[in-house]
Amino acid sequence: MLNKQLFPLLLICIAVAVANEDVTITCNLVYSSLEPCLSYVLGGGLSVPSECCSGIKSLHKSACTIADRQSFCRCIKSAGSHTTEAQFSRAAKLTGICRANVLFKISPHVDCSKVK
C-alpha cells in the first residue's frame, strides 16, 4: 500500500516527468545555435553569417512538437528581454534572410503559449 504522505510527492514527480518529456528544445540549445547571429542582431554585422542561417534551420527542424516550438519561443523572448526595438527588428528579419519557415512572430509581445 502506498504511503499517504509520499503520494503527493509521487504525483509531482510524474507531472514533472510528463511535462518535460516532449520538449527537446532547450534555451542552451537555442542560444548556442543562434550565437553566430549575434553580430548581425546587435547591429555590428552588415551581413548574416551562413552559420547563423544553419543554426536557425537546425532549430526549426528540431522543433517538431508544439512543446518544442513554445519552448523555442520562450527562449527567444527571454533573450530578447534586454534588447532594443531595433535589435528585435533585425532578429525578426533573420527567418526571411535565411529563407526559413516562420514558426512564431519574433516580438517582445508574442504569446508563446499560443504558438502551434
N, C-alpha and C. Protein backbone atom coordinates (compact mmCIF):
# COMPACT_ATOMS: atom_id res chain seq x y z
N MET A 1 0.84 -1.18 0.00
CA MET A 1 0.00 0.00 0.00
C MET A 1 0.88 1.24 0.00
N LEU A 2 0.47 2.26 -0.74
CA LEU A 2 1.25 3.49 -0.89
C LEU A 2 1.10 4.37 0.35
N ASN A 3 2.19 4.85 0.84
CA ASN A 3 2.19 5.76 1.98
C ASN A 3 1.48 7.05 1.58
N LYS A 4 0.49 7.49 2.35
CA LYS A 4 -0.29 8.68 2.01
C LYS A 4 0.55 9.95 2.03
N GLN A 5 1.62 9.97 2.77
CA GLN A 5 2.48 11.15 2.81
C GLN A 5 3.35 11.24 1.55
N LEU A 6 3.67 10.11 0.95
CA LEU A 6 4.51 10.10 -0.25
C LEU A 6 3.71 10.26 -1.54
N PHE A 7 2.41 10.06 -1.48
CA PHE A 7 1.57 10.13 -2.67
C PHE A 7 1.66 11.48 -3.39
N PRO A 8 1.55 12.63 -2.67
CA PRO A 8 1.67 13.93 -3.38
C PRO A 8 3.04 14.10 -4.05
N LEU A 9 4.10 13.62 -3.41
CA LEU A 9 5.43 13.71 -4.00
C LEU A 9 5.51 12.88 -5.28
N LEU A 10 4.90 11.70 -5.25
CA LEU A 10 4.86 10.85 -6.43
C LEU A 10 4.13 11.53 -7.58
N LEU A 11 3.00 12.17 -7.28
CA LEU A 11 2.24 12.88 -8.31
C LEU A 11 3.05 14.02 -8.91
N ILE A 12 3.78 14.74 -8.07
CA ILE A 12 4.61 15.85 -8.56
C ILE A 12 5.70 15.31 -9.49
N CYS A 13 6.34 14.21 -9.09
CA CYS A 13 7.40 13.62 -9.93
C CYS A 13 6.85 13.17 -11.28
N ILE A 14 5.68 12.57 -11.28
CA ILE A 14 5.06 12.14 -12.53
C ILE A 14 4.72 13.34 -13.40
N ALA A 15 4.17 14.39 -12.80
CA ALA A 15 3.80 15.59 -13.56
C ALA A 15 5.02 16.24 -14.18
N VAL A 16 6.11 16.33 -13.44
CA VAL A 16 7.34 16.93 -13.97
C VAL A 16 7.90 16.08 -15.11
N ALA A 17 7.89 14.77 -14.94
CA ALA A 17 8.40 13.89 -15.98
C ALA A 17 7.59 14.00 -17.25
N VAL A 18 6.27 14.05 -17.13
CA VAL A 18 5.40 14.16 -18.30
C VAL A 18 5.54 15.53 -18.95
N ALA A 19 5.64 16.57 -18.16
CA ALA A 19 5.75 17.93 -18.70
C ALA A 19 7.04 18.11 -19.49
N ASN A 20 8.11 17.49 -19.09
CA ASN A 20 9.40 17.67 -19.75
C ASN A 20 9.68 16.62 -20.82
N GLU A 21 8.83 15.62 -20.92
CA GLU A 21 9.07 14.51 -21.82
C GLU A 21 9.11 14.92 -23.28
N ASP A 22 8.25 15.83 -23.70
CA ASP A 22 8.13 16.17 -25.10
C ASP A 22 9.05 17.31 -25.55
N VAL A 23 9.70 18.00 -24.64
CA VAL A 23 10.48 19.17 -25.00
C VAL A 23 11.94 18.77 -25.27
N THR A 24 12.37 18.97 -26.51
CA THR A 24 13.76 18.70 -26.85
C THR A 24 14.53 19.99 -27.11
N ILE A 25 13.81 21.10 -27.24
CA ILE A 25 14.44 22.40 -27.47
C ILE A 25 14.67 23.08 -26.12
N THR A 26 15.92 23.24 -25.76
CA THR A 26 16.27 23.93 -24.51
C THR A 26 16.84 25.30 -24.84
N CYS A 27 16.84 26.17 -23.87
CA CYS A 27 17.41 27.51 -24.11
C CYS A 27 18.90 27.42 -24.41
N ASN A 28 19.61 26.51 -23.78
CA ASN A 28 21.04 26.36 -24.09
C ASN A 28 21.23 26.00 -25.56
N LEU A 29 20.39 25.11 -26.08
CA LEU A 29 20.47 24.73 -27.50
C LEU A 29 20.15 25.93 -28.39
N VAL A 30 19.11 26.68 -28.03
CA VAL A 30 18.72 27.86 -28.81
C VAL A 30 19.85 28.88 -28.81
N TYR A 31 20.38 29.19 -27.64
CA TYR A 31 21.42 30.23 -27.55
C TYR A 31 22.68 29.81 -28.30
N SER A 32 23.09 28.56 -28.16
CA SER A 32 24.32 28.13 -28.85
C SER A 32 24.10 28.07 -30.36
N SER A 33 22.91 27.68 -30.80
CA SER A 33 22.62 27.62 -32.24
C SER A 33 22.56 29.00 -32.87
N LEU A 34 22.08 29.98 -32.11
CA LEU A 34 21.90 31.32 -32.65
C LEU A 34 23.05 32.28 -32.34
N GLU A 35 24.06 31.80 -31.64
CA GLU A 35 25.21 32.66 -31.29
C GLU A 35 25.85 33.30 -32.51
N PRO A 36 25.97 32.59 -33.65
CA PRO A 36 26.55 33.24 -34.83
C PRO A 36 25.71 34.41 -35.38
N CYS A 37 24.48 34.54 -34.94
CA CYS A 37 23.60 35.61 -35.41
C CYS A 37 23.78 36.91 -34.63
N LEU A 38 24.47 36.84 -33.50
CA LEU A 38 24.54 38.00 -32.60
C LEU A 38 25.13 39.24 -33.25
N SER A 39 26.19 39.09 -34.03
CA SER A 39 26.82 40.28 -34.62
C SER A 39 25.82 41.02 -35.50
N TYR A 40 25.01 40.29 -36.25
CA TYR A 40 24.00 40.93 -37.10
C TYR A 40 22.89 41.56 -36.25
N VAL A 41 22.36 40.81 -35.31
CA VAL A 41 21.23 41.28 -34.49
C VAL A 41 21.62 42.50 -33.67
N LEU A 42 22.83 42.50 -33.13
CA LEU A 42 23.27 43.62 -32.28
C LEU A 42 23.69 44.84 -33.10
N GLY A 43 23.70 44.71 -34.42
CA GLY A 43 23.98 45.85 -35.28
C GLY A 43 25.41 46.00 -35.73
N GLY A 44 26.27 45.09 -35.33
CA GLY A 44 27.68 45.19 -35.69
C GLY A 44 28.01 44.55 -37.02
N GLY A 45 27.16 43.66 -37.48
CA GLY A 45 27.43 42.96 -38.73
C GLY A 45 26.52 43.44 -39.84
N LEU A 46 27.07 43.60 -41.03
CA LEU A 46 26.27 44.05 -42.16
C LEU A 46 25.57 42.90 -42.87
N SER A 47 26.14 41.71 -42.73
CA SER A 47 25.53 40.54 -43.37
C SER A 47 25.33 39.44 -42.34
N VAL A 48 24.49 38.49 -42.70
CA VAL A 48 24.18 37.37 -41.81
C VAL A 48 25.13 36.22 -42.15
N PRO A 49 25.90 35.74 -41.17
CA PRO A 49 26.81 34.62 -41.44
C PRO A 49 26.04 33.35 -41.81
N SER A 50 26.62 32.53 -42.65
CA SER A 50 25.95 31.28 -43.04
C SER A 50 25.72 30.38 -41.83
N GLU A 51 26.59 30.46 -40.83
CA GLU A 51 26.42 29.66 -39.61
C GLU A 51 25.16 30.06 -38.86
N CYS A 52 24.78 31.32 -38.95
CA CYS A 52 23.55 31.81 -38.34
C CYS A 52 22.35 31.13 -39.00
N CYS A 53 22.32 31.14 -40.31
CA CYS A 53 21.21 30.51 -41.04
C CYS A 53 21.17 29.01 -40.79
N SER A 54 22.33 28.38 -40.71
CA SER A 54 22.38 26.95 -40.41
C SER A 54 21.80 26.67 -39.03
N GLY A 55 22.11 27.52 -38.07
CA GLY A 55 21.58 27.36 -36.71
C GLY A 55 20.08 27.52 -36.67
N ILE A 56 19.57 28.51 -37.39
CA ILE A 56 18.12 28.74 -37.44
C ILE A 56 17.41 27.53 -38.07
N LYS A 57 17.93 27.07 -39.20
CA LYS A 57 17.30 25.94 -39.89
C LYS A 57 17.37 24.66 -39.05
N SER A 58 18.46 24.48 -38.35
CA SER A 58 18.61 23.31 -37.48
C SER A 58 17.58 23.34 -36.35
N LEU A 59 17.41 24.50 -35.74
CA LEU A 59 16.41 24.64 -34.67
C LEU A 59 15.01 24.41 -35.21
N HIS A 60 14.72 24.93 -36.37
CA HIS A 60 13.40 24.74 -36.96
C HIS A 60 13.12 23.27 -37.22
N LYS A 61 14.12 22.54 -37.69
CA LYS A 61 13.95 21.10 -37.93
C LYS A 61 13.75 20.34 -36.63
N SER A 62 14.40 20.80 -35.57
CA SER A 62 14.30 20.13 -34.27
C SER A 62 13.00 20.42 -33.55
N ALA A 63 12.35 21.52 -33.90
CA ALA A 63 11.12 21.93 -33.22
C ALA A 63 9.93 21.19 -33.83
N CYS A 64 9.84 19.91 -33.54
CA CYS A 64 8.83 19.04 -34.16
C CYS A 64 7.48 19.11 -33.48
N THR A 65 7.46 19.44 -32.21
CA THR A 65 6.20 19.42 -31.46
C THR A 65 5.80 20.83 -31.05
N ILE A 66 4.57 20.98 -30.65
CA ILE A 66 4.09 22.27 -30.13
C ILE A 66 4.91 22.67 -28.91
N ALA A 67 5.20 21.71 -28.04
CA ALA A 67 6.00 21.99 -26.84
C ALA A 67 7.39 22.51 -27.22
N ASP A 68 8.00 21.94 -28.26
CA ASP A 68 9.30 22.41 -28.73
C ASP A 68 9.22 23.85 -29.23
N ARG A 69 8.21 24.12 -30.05
CA ARG A 69 8.08 25.46 -30.62
C ARG A 69 7.78 26.50 -29.54
N GLN A 70 6.99 26.13 -28.55
CA GLN A 70 6.69 27.04 -27.45
C GLN A 70 7.94 27.28 -26.59
N SER A 71 8.72 26.24 -26.38
CA SER A 71 9.97 26.39 -25.63
C SER A 71 10.95 27.29 -26.40
N PHE A 72 11.07 27.06 -27.69
CA PHE A 72 11.91 27.88 -28.57
C PHE A 72 11.47 29.35 -28.45
N CYS A 73 10.19 29.59 -28.54
CA CYS A 73 9.63 30.94 -28.44
C CYS A 73 9.98 31.58 -27.09
N ARG A 74 9.80 30.84 -26.01
CA ARG A 74 10.09 31.39 -24.67
C ARG A 74 11.57 31.74 -24.53
N CYS A 75 12.44 30.92 -25.11
CA CYS A 75 13.87 31.20 -25.04
C CYS A 75 14.22 32.49 -25.79
N ILE A 76 13.64 32.64 -26.98
CA ILE A 76 13.89 33.85 -27.78
C ILE A 76 13.33 35.07 -27.05
N LYS A 77 12.14 34.94 -26.52
CA LYS A 77 11.51 36.06 -25.82
C LYS A 77 12.32 36.44 -24.58
N SER A 78 12.80 35.45 -23.85
CA SER A 78 13.61 35.71 -22.67
C SER A 78 14.93 36.40 -23.04
N ALA A 79 15.58 35.90 -24.07
CA ALA A 79 16.84 36.51 -24.51
C ALA A 79 16.61 37.93 -25.01
N GLY A 80 15.46 38.16 -25.60
CA GLY A 80 15.15 39.48 -26.14
C GLY A 80 14.67 40.48 -25.13
N SER A 81 14.53 40.06 -23.88
CA SER A 81 14.00 40.97 -22.86
C SER A 81 14.95 42.13 -22.57
N HIS A 82 16.20 42.00 -23.00
CA HIS A 82 17.19 43.06 -22.76
C HIS A 82 17.66 43.72 -24.05
N THR A 83 16.86 43.58 -25.11
CA THR A 83 17.28 44.15 -26.39
C THR A 83 16.44 45.38 -26.74
N THR A 84 16.95 46.13 -27.68
CA THR A 84 16.23 47.31 -28.15
C THR A 84 15.23 46.91 -29.22
N GLU A 85 14.36 47.83 -29.57
CA GLU A 85 13.39 47.57 -30.63
C GLU A 85 14.09 47.33 -31.97
N ALA A 86 15.16 48.06 -32.22
CA ALA A 86 15.91 47.88 -33.46
C ALA A 86 16.53 46.49 -33.53
N GLN A 87 17.03 46.00 -32.40
CA GLN A 87 17.63 44.66 -32.37
C GLN A 87 16.55 43.59 -32.58
N PHE A 88 15.38 43.78 -31.98
CA PHE A 88 14.28 42.85 -32.19
C PHE A 88 13.89 42.84 -33.67
N SER A 89 13.88 44.01 -34.28
CA SER A 89 13.53 44.13 -35.69
C SER A 89 14.53 43.36 -36.56
N ARG A 90 15.82 43.49 -36.25
CA ARG A 90 16.84 42.77 -37.01
C ARG A 90 16.69 41.27 -36.81
N ALA A 91 16.39 40.84 -35.58
CA ALA A 91 16.20 39.41 -35.29
C ALA A 91 15.00 38.87 -36.07
N ALA A 92 13.95 39.66 -36.17
CA ALA A 92 12.74 39.23 -36.87
C ALA A 92 12.98 39.04 -38.37
N LYS A 93 13.97 39.72 -38.91
CA LYS A 93 14.28 39.61 -40.34
C LYS A 93 15.07 38.35 -40.68
N LEU A 94 15.63 37.71 -39.68
CA LEU A 94 16.53 36.58 -39.94
C LEU A 94 15.86 35.42 -40.66
N THR A 95 14.62 35.10 -40.30
CA THR A 95 13.98 33.95 -40.97
C THR A 95 13.81 34.22 -42.47
N GLY A 96 13.49 35.45 -42.83
CA GLY A 96 13.37 35.80 -44.25
C GLY A 96 14.71 35.78 -44.95
N ILE A 97 15.72 36.36 -44.33
CA ILE A 97 17.06 36.39 -44.92
C ILE A 97 17.58 34.98 -45.11
N CYS A 98 17.32 34.12 -44.14
CA CYS A 98 17.83 32.74 -44.18
C CYS A 98 16.89 31.79 -44.92
N ARG A 99 15.78 32.32 -45.40
CA ARG A 99 14.78 31.52 -46.12
C ARG A 99 14.32 30.31 -45.29
N ALA A 100 13.98 30.61 -44.03
CA ALA A 100 13.48 29.58 -43.12
C ALA A 100 12.01 29.85 -42.83
N ASN A 101 11.27 28.81 -42.54
CA ASN A 101 9.85 28.98 -42.17
C ASN A 101 9.74 29.79 -40.88
N VAL A 102 8.71 30.58 -40.80
CA VAL A 102 8.45 31.35 -39.59
C VAL A 102 7.61 30.48 -38.66
N LEU A 103 8.18 30.11 -37.51
CA LEU A 103 7.46 29.27 -36.56
C LEU A 103 6.59 30.10 -35.61
N PHE A 104 7.04 31.33 -35.35
CA PHE A 104 6.30 32.24 -34.48
C PHE A 104 6.85 33.64 -34.73
N LYS A 105 6.06 34.63 -34.37
CA LYS A 105 6.46 36.02 -34.57
C LYS A 105 7.57 36.38 -33.58
N ILE A 106 8.64 36.97 -34.08
CA ILE A 106 9.72 37.43 -33.21
C ILE A 106 9.32 38.82 -32.72
N SER A 107 8.87 38.88 -31.50
CA SER A 107 8.36 40.12 -30.93
C SER A 107 8.44 40.03 -29.41
N PRO A 108 8.68 41.16 -28.75
CA PRO A 108 8.69 41.12 -27.27
C PRO A 108 7.29 40.88 -26.70
N HIS A 109 6.28 40.98 -27.54
CA HIS A 109 4.90 40.85 -27.07
C HIS A 109 4.24 39.54 -27.50
N VAL A 110 4.98 38.64 -28.11
CA VAL A 110 4.41 37.38 -28.58
C VAL A 110 3.94 36.55 -27.37
N ASP A 111 2.80 35.89 -27.52
CA ASP A 111 2.29 34.99 -26.50
C ASP A 111 2.72 33.58 -26.89
N CYS A 112 3.77 33.09 -26.28
CA CYS A 112 4.34 31.80 -26.65
C CYS A 112 3.38 30.63 -26.39
N SER A 113 2.45 30.82 -25.49
CA SER A 113 1.50 29.73 -25.21
C SER A 113 0.54 29.51 -26.38
N LYS A 114 0.47 30.47 -27.31
CA LYS A 114 -0.41 30.35 -28.47
C LYS A 114 0.31 29.85 -29.71
N VAL A 115 1.60 29.60 -29.59
CA VAL A 115 2.38 29.08 -30.72
C VAL A 115 1.97 27.64 -30.97
N LYS A 116 1.68 27.32 -32.21
CA LYS A 116 1.23 25.95 -32.56
C LYS A 116 2.22 25.25 -33.41
